[in-house]
C-alpha atoms as a PDB file:
ATOM      1  CA  UNK A   1      -7.302  11.495  19.084  1.00  0.00           C
ATOM      2  CA  UNK A   2     -10.554  12.808  20.521  1.00  0.00           C
ATOM      3  CA  UNK A   3     -13.144  15.574  20.333  1.00  0.00           C
ATOM      4  CA  UNK A   4     -11.852  18.230  22.729  1.00  0.00           C
ATOM      5  CA  UNK A   5     -14.927  20.322  23.486  1.00  0.00           C
ATOM      6  CA  UNK A   6     -18.626  20.771  22.841  1.00  0.00           C
ATOM      7  CA  UNK A   7     -21.498  18.324  22.750  1.00  0.00           C
ATOM      8  CA  UNK A   8     -19.353  15.378  21.561  1.00  0.00           C
ATOM      9  CA  UNK A   9     -16.531  16.162  24.011  1.00  0.00           C
ATOM     10  CA  UNK A  10     -14.354  13.188  24.889  1.00  0.00           C
ATOM     11  CA  UNK A  11     -15.439  11.011  21.952  1.00  0.00           C
ATOM     12  CA  UNK A  12     -12.459   9.006  20.775  1.00  0.00           C
ATOM     13  CA  UNK A  13     -11.963   9.212  17.024  1.00  0.00           C
ATOM     14  CA  UNK A  14     -10.690   6.544  14.686  1.00  0.00           C
ATOM     15  CA  UNK A  15      -7.557   7.437  12.723  1.00  0.00           C
ATOM     16  CA  UNK A  16      -5.876   6.122   9.616  1.00  0.00           C
ATOM     17  CA  UNK A  17      -2.989   3.715   9.971  1.00  0.00           C
ATOM     18  CA  UNK A  18       0.328   4.489   8.322  1.00  0.00           C
ATOM     19  CA  UNK A  19       2.246   7.584   7.337  1.00  0.00           C
ATOM     20  CA  UNK A  20       0.018   8.831   4.508  1.00  0.00           C
ATOM     21  CA  UNK A  21      -1.904  11.126   6.846  1.00  0.00           C
ATOM     22  CA  UNK A  22      -0.881  12.936  10.005  1.00  0.00           C
ATOM     23  CA  UNK A  23      -3.731  14.068  12.197  1.00  0.00           C
ATOM     24  CA  UNK A  24      -3.572  17.538  13.703  1.00  0.00           C
ATOM     25  CA  UNK A  25      -2.177  17.025  17.207  1.00  0.00           C
ATOM     26  CA  UNK A  26      -4.633  17.566  20.064  1.00  0.00           C
ATOM     27  CA  UNK A  27      -2.558  20.422  21.481  1.00  0.00           C
ATOM     28  CA  UNK A  28      -2.494  22.179  18.081  1.00  0.00           C
ATOM     29  CA  UNK A  29      -6.204  21.500  17.572  1.00  0.00           C
ATOM     30  CA  UNK A  30      -6.976  22.884  21.032  1.00  0.00           C
ATOM     31  CA  UNK A  31      -4.971  26.065  20.339  1.00  0.00           C
ATOM     32  CA  UNK A  32      -6.558  26.438  16.896  1.00  0.00           C
ATOM     33  CA  UNK A  33     -10.108  26.186  18.225  1.00  0.00           C
ATOM     34  CA  UNK A  34      -9.289  28.557  21.052  1.00  0.00           C
ATOM     35  CA  UNK A  35      -8.303  31.155  18.440  1.00  0.00           C
ATOM     36  CA  UNK A  36     -11.437  30.681  16.304  1.00  0.00           C
ATOM     37  CA  UNK A  37     -13.933  29.952  19.092  1.00  0.00           C
ATOM     38  CA  UNK A  38     -16.009  33.067  18.316  1.00  0.00           C
ATOM     39  CA  UNK A  39     -16.258  32.195  14.618  1.00  0.00           C
ATOM     40  CA  UNK A  40     -17.422  28.579  14.999  1.00  0.00           C
ATOM     41  CA  UNK A  41     -21.024  28.946  16.176  1.00  0.00           C
ATOM     42  CA  UNK A  42     -23.459  28.580  13.238  1.00  0.00           C
ATOM     43  CA  UNK A  43     -20.533  28.475  10.765  1.00  0.00           C
ATOM     44  CA  UNK A  44     -20.477  26.606   7.483  1.00  0.00           C
ATOM     45  CA  UNK A  45     -17.216  24.656   7.489  1.00  0.00           C
ATOM     46  CA  UNK A  46     -15.170  22.956   4.769  1.00  0.00           C
ATOM     47  CA  UNK A  47     -12.467  20.507   5.823  1.00  0.00           C
ATOM     48  CA  UNK A  48     -10.430  19.849   2.676  1.00  0.00           C
ATOM     49  CA  UNK A  49      -7.815  17.052   2.889  1.00  0.00           C
ATOM     50  CA  UNK A  50      -9.951  15.827   5.790  1.00  0.00           C
ATOM     51  CA  UNK A  51      -8.146  12.639   6.862  1.00  0.00           C
ATOM     52  CA  UNK A  52     -10.150  11.390   9.857  1.00  0.00           C
ATOM     53  CA  UNK A  53     -12.610  14.290   9.724  1.00  0.00           C
ATOM     54  CA  UNK A  54     -11.474  15.514  13.145  1.00  0.00           C
ATOM     55  CA  UNK A  55     -11.498  19.248  12.321  1.00  0.00           C
ATOM     56  CA  UNK A  56     -14.980  19.172  10.775  1.00  0.00           C
ATOM     57  CA  UNK A  57     -16.330  17.063  13.650  1.00  0.00           C
ATOM     58  CA  UNK A  58     -14.710  19.288  16.285  1.00  0.00           C
ATOM     59  CA  UNK A  59     -16.363  22.269  14.570  1.00  0.00           C
ATOM     60  CA  UNK A  60     -19.770  20.579  14.671  1.00  0.00           C
ATOM     61  CA  UNK A  61     -19.270  19.649  18.318  1.00  0.00           C
ATOM     62  CA  UNK A  62     -18.629  23.330  19.075  1.00  0.00           C
ATOM     63  CA  UNK A  63     -21.761  24.559  17.309  1.00  0.00           C
ATOM     64  CA  UNK A  64     -21.029  24.848  13.589  1.00  0.00           C
ATOM     65  CA  UNK A  65     -24.207  24.733  11.503  1.00  0.00           C
ATOM     66  CA  UNK A  66     -22.815  22.338   8.897  1.00  0.00           C
ATOM     67  CA  UNK A  67     -19.567  20.831   7.704  1.00  0.00           C
ATOM     68  CA  UNK A  68     -18.207  19.155   4.608  1.00  0.00           C
ATOM     69  CA  UNK A  69     -15.302  16.724   4.787  1.00  0.00           C
ATOM     70  CA  UNK A  70     -13.463  15.997   1.557  1.00  0.00           C
ATOM     71  CA  UNK A  71     -10.687  13.478   1.069  1.00  0.00           C
ATOM     72  CA  UNK A  72      -9.342  11.540  -1.902  1.00  0.00           C
ATOM     73  CA  UNK A  73      -8.668   8.350   0.078  1.00  0.00           C
ATOM     74  CA  UNK A  74     -11.404   5.727   0.336  1.00  0.00           C
ATOM     75  CA  UNK A  75      -9.882   4.550   3.614  1.00  0.00           C
ATOM     76  CA  UNK A  76     -10.140   8.105   4.971  1.00  0.00           C
ATOM     77  CA  UNK A  77     -13.777   8.316   3.885  1.00  0.00           C
ATOM     78  CA  UNK A  78     -14.590   5.102   5.777  1.00  0.00           C
ATOM     79  CA  UNK A  79     -12.896   6.506   8.903  1.00  0.00           C
ATOM     80  CA  UNK A  80     -14.795   9.805   8.546  1.00  0.00           C
ATOM     81  CA  UNK A  81     -18.094   7.891   8.279  1.00  0.00           C
ATOM     82  CA  UNK A  82     -17.256   5.897  11.422  1.00  0.00           C
ATOM     83  CA  UNK A  83     -16.327   9.082  13.303  1.00  0.00           C
ATOM     84  CA  UNK A  84     -19.483  10.889  12.143  1.00  0.00           C
ATOM     85  CA  UNK A  85     -21.541   7.980  13.486  1.00  0.00           C
ATOM     86  CA  UNK A  86     -19.643   7.921  16.801  1.00  0.00           C
ATOM     87  CA  UNK A  87     -20.218  11.653  17.311  1.00  0.00           C
ATOM     88  CA  UNK A  88     -23.841  11.512  16.045  1.00  0.00           C
ATOM     89  CA  UNK A  89     -23.169  14.138  13.357  1.00  0.00           C
ATOM     90  CA  UNK A  90     -24.151  12.064  10.310  1.00  0.00           C
ATOM     91  CA  UNK A  91     -26.960  14.535   9.529  1.00  0.00           C
ATOM     92  CA  UNK A  92     -24.727  17.654   9.728  1.00  0.00           C
ATOM     93  CA  UNK A  93     -21.638  16.301   7.956  1.00  0.00           C
ATOM     94  CA  UNK A  94     -21.512  15.903   4.193  1.00  0.00           C
ATOM     95  CA  UNK A  95     -18.707  13.603   3.064  1.00  0.00           C
ATOM     96  CA  UNK A  96     -17.107  13.848  -0.372  1.00  0.00           C
ATOM     97  CA  UNK A  97     -14.678  11.237  -1.713  1.00  0.00           C
ATOM     98  CA  UNK A  98     -12.751  13.165  -4.357  1.00  0.00           C
ATOM     99  CA  UNK A  99      -9.512  15.026  -4.909  1.00  0.00           C
ATOM    100  CA  UNK A 100      -9.412  18.627  -3.746  1.00  0.00           C
ATOM    101  CA  UNK A 101      -9.749  20.162  -7.224  1.00  0.00           C
ATOM    102  CA  UNK A 102     -12.886  18.188  -8.054  1.00  0.00           C
ATOM    103  CA  UNK A 103     -14.297  18.863  -4.605  1.00  0.00           C
ATOM    104  CA  UNK A 104     -13.758  22.614  -4.954  1.00  0.00           C
ATOM    105  CA  UNK A 105     -15.274  22.516  -8.435  1.00  0.00           C
ATOM    106  CA  UNK A 106     -18.373  20.775  -7.013  1.00  0.00           C
ATOM    107  CA  UNK A 107     -18.641  23.379  -4.230  1.00  0.00           C
ATOM    108  CA  UNK A 108     -17.646  26.510  -6.161  1.00  0.00           C
ATOM    109  CA  UNK A 109     -21.048  28.172  -5.655  1.00  0.00           C
ATOM    110  CA  UNK A 110     -21.012  27.594  -1.881  1.00  0.00           C
ATOM    111  CA  UNK A 111     -19.861  30.086   0.757  1.00  0.00           C
ATOM    112  CA  UNK A 112     -17.906  28.952   3.795  1.00  0.00           C
ATOM    113  CA  UNK A 113     -17.139  30.724   7.042  1.00  0.00           C
ATOM    114  CA  UNK A 114     -14.174  28.485   7.866  1.00  0.00           C
ATOM    115  CA  UNK A 115     -12.058  26.385   5.516  1.00  0.00           C
ATOM    116  CA  UNK A 116      -9.401  24.058   6.900  1.00  0.00           C
ATOM    117  CA  UNK A 117      -6.521  23.313   4.517  1.00  0.00           C
ATOM    118  CA  UNK A 118      -4.285  20.624   5.941  1.00  0.00           C
ATOM    119  CA  UNK A 119      -2.809  19.409   2.652  1.00  0.00           C
ATOM    120  CA  UNK A 120      -0.040  16.808   2.422  1.00  0.00           C
ATOM    121  CA  UNK A 121       3.038  18.707   3.594  1.00  0.00           C
ATOM    122  CA  UNK A 122       5.389  18.044   0.702  1.00  0.00           C
ATOM    123  CA  UNK A 123       2.955  19.362  -1.930  1.00  0.00           C
ATOM    124  CA  UNK A 124       1.676  22.720  -3.156  1.00  0.00           C
ATOM    125  CA  UNK A 125      -1.933  21.488  -2.937  1.00  0.00           C
ATOM    126  CA  UNK A 126      -2.749  23.915  -0.093  1.00  0.00           C
ATOM    127  CA  UNK A 127      -1.505  26.938  -2.025  1.00  0.00           C
ATOM    128  CA  UNK A 128      -3.358  25.785  -5.146  1.00  0.00           C
ATOM    129  CA  UNK A 129      -6.543  25.203  -3.105  1.00  0.00           C
ATOM    130  CA  UNK A 130      -6.238  28.703  -1.596  1.00  0.00           C
ATOM    131  CA  UNK A 131      -6.017  30.188  -5.085  1.00  0.00           C
ATOM    132  CA  UNK A 132      -9.102  28.269  -6.263  1.00  0.00           C
ATOM    133  CA  UNK A 133     -11.099  29.222  -3.152  1.00  0.00           C
ATOM    134  CA  UNK A 134     -10.322  32.931  -3.537  1.00  0.00           C
ATOM    135  CA  UNK A 135     -10.880  32.979  -7.305  1.00  0.00           C
ATOM    136  CA  UNK A 136     -14.294  31.329  -6.860  1.00  0.00           C
ATOM    137  CA  UNK A 137     -15.195  33.615  -3.935  1.00  0.00           C
ATOM    138  CA  UNK A 138     -15.975  30.657  -1.692  1.00  0.00           C
ATOM    139  CA  UNK A 139     -15.320  32.543   1.565  1.00  0.00           C
ATOM    140  CA  UNK A 140     -18.137  34.385   3.295  1.00  0.00           C
ATOM    141  CA  UNK A 141     -17.570  38.081   4.118  1.00  0.00           C
ATOM    142  CA  UNK A 142     -15.829  37.349   7.426  1.00  0.00           C
ATOM    143  CA  UNK A 143     -14.563  33.924   6.325  1.00  0.00           C
ATOM    144  CA  UNK A 144     -11.229  32.373   7.266  1.00  0.00           C
ATOM    145  CA  UNK A 145      -8.903  29.883   5.636  1.00  0.00           C
ATOM    146  CA  UNK A 146      -6.752  28.036   8.142  1.00  0.00           C
ATOM    147  CA  UNK A 147      -3.685  26.704   6.356  1.00  0.00           C
ATOM    148  CA  UNK A 148      -1.559  24.109   8.180  1.00  0.00           C
ATOM    149  CA  UNK A 149       2.014  23.411   7.118  1.00  0.00           C
ATOM    150  CA  UNK A 150       5.471  22.383   8.299  1.00  0.00           C
ATOM    151  CA  UNK A 151       7.317  24.305   5.572  1.00  0.00           C
ATOM    152  CA  UNK A 152       9.623  27.225   6.174  1.00  0.00           C
ATOM    153  CA  UNK A 153       7.791  30.554   5.900  1.00  0.00           C
ATOM    154  CA  UNK A 154       9.713  31.774   2.877  1.00  0.00           C
ATOM    155  CA  UNK A 155       8.498  28.687   0.979  1.00  0.00           C
ATOM    156  CA  UNK A 156       4.823  29.597   1.127  1.00  0.00           C
ATOM    157  CA  UNK A 157       3.984  33.006   2.665  1.00  0.00           C
ATOM    158  CA  UNK A 158       4.854  35.048  -0.419  1.00  0.00           C
ATOM    159  CA  UNK A 159       2.778  32.704  -2.573  1.00  0.00           C
ATOM    160  CA  UNK A 160      -0.211  32.780  -0.200  1.00  0.00           C
ATOM    161  CA  UNK A 161      -0.168  36.582  -0.033  1.00  0.00           C
ATOM    162  CA  UNK A 162      -0.890  36.701  -3.765  1.00  0.00           C
ATOM    163  CA  UNK A 163      -4.369  35.351  -3.024  1.00  0.00           C
ATOM    164  CA  UNK A 164      -5.327  36.365   0.510  1.00  0.00           C
ATOM    165  CA  UNK A 165      -4.300  38.517   3.442  1.00  0.00           C
ATOM    166  CA  UNK A 166      -2.525  36.924   6.361  1.00  0.00           C
ATOM    167  CA  UNK A 167      -4.405  37.679   9.555  1.00  0.00           C
ATOM    168  CA  UNK A 168      -2.264  35.666  11.964  1.00  0.00           C
ATOM    169  CA  UNK A 169       0.542  33.095  12.065  1.00  0.00           C
ATOM    170  CA  UNK A 170       0.935  30.672  14.971  1.00  0.00           C
ATOM    171  CA  UNK A 171       3.721  28.112  15.407  1.00  0.00           C
ATOM    172  CA  UNK A 172       3.473  24.913  17.438  1.00  0.00           C
ATOM    173  CA  UNK A 173       6.757  23.018  17.180  1.00  0.00           C
ATOM    174  CA  UNK A 174       7.099  21.958  13.519  1.00  0.00           C
ATOM    175  CA  UNK A 175       3.505  22.924  12.711  1.00  0.00           C
ATOM    176  CA  UNK A 176       2.563  26.403  11.522  1.00  0.00           C
ATOM    177  CA  UNK A 177      -1.028  27.615  11.265  1.00  0.00           C
ATOM    178  CA  UNK A 178      -1.631  30.519   8.893  1.00  0.00           C
ATOM    179  CA  UNK A 179      -4.976  32.314   9.221  1.00  0.00           C
ATOM    180  CA  UNK A 180      -5.996  33.857   5.912  1.00  0.00           C
ATOM    181  CA  UNK A 181      -8.865  36.089   4.940  1.00  0.00           C
ATOM    182  CA  UNK A 182      -9.909  38.054   1.903  1.00  0.00           C
ATOM    183  CA  UNK A 183     -10.767  41.731   2.310  1.00  0.00           C
END
């Protein structure tokens, strides 16, 4: 896994061993950032369920103003710290070692332009996080939530639409990216 574009382009990132996390594939990450390329510059980014921190770091590499990576795993936090050092973004990346509910509670007065939700696939954490984000008005006026899943659409779209509007859906093999926004 590597940084695809921007000032840290080509930097190889550390990843977690095992099956507990699954990094966003480079081809999916490349497509995702192609879609949001005009929203990244000077954005405030939240990468919930951060894993290796790749999405937050890619955002910073492409010109985001700041990013927060949150993960519950101490091993993930160590990897994120290593990757922040490798990419020289230690000063722009805030790292929070907590579960998503506590993280969102800590950040409930913040506004984000882009929020990445790549929750563990077999959970409803992403849907719950979306609800909390919308209820606490954590998205900026033009803000986006990018929800990554491998579930069948009928399992989550109806639930997500209770909280936010679906702007776009993109499928990449088993992975589906849902772009949400709040009018």
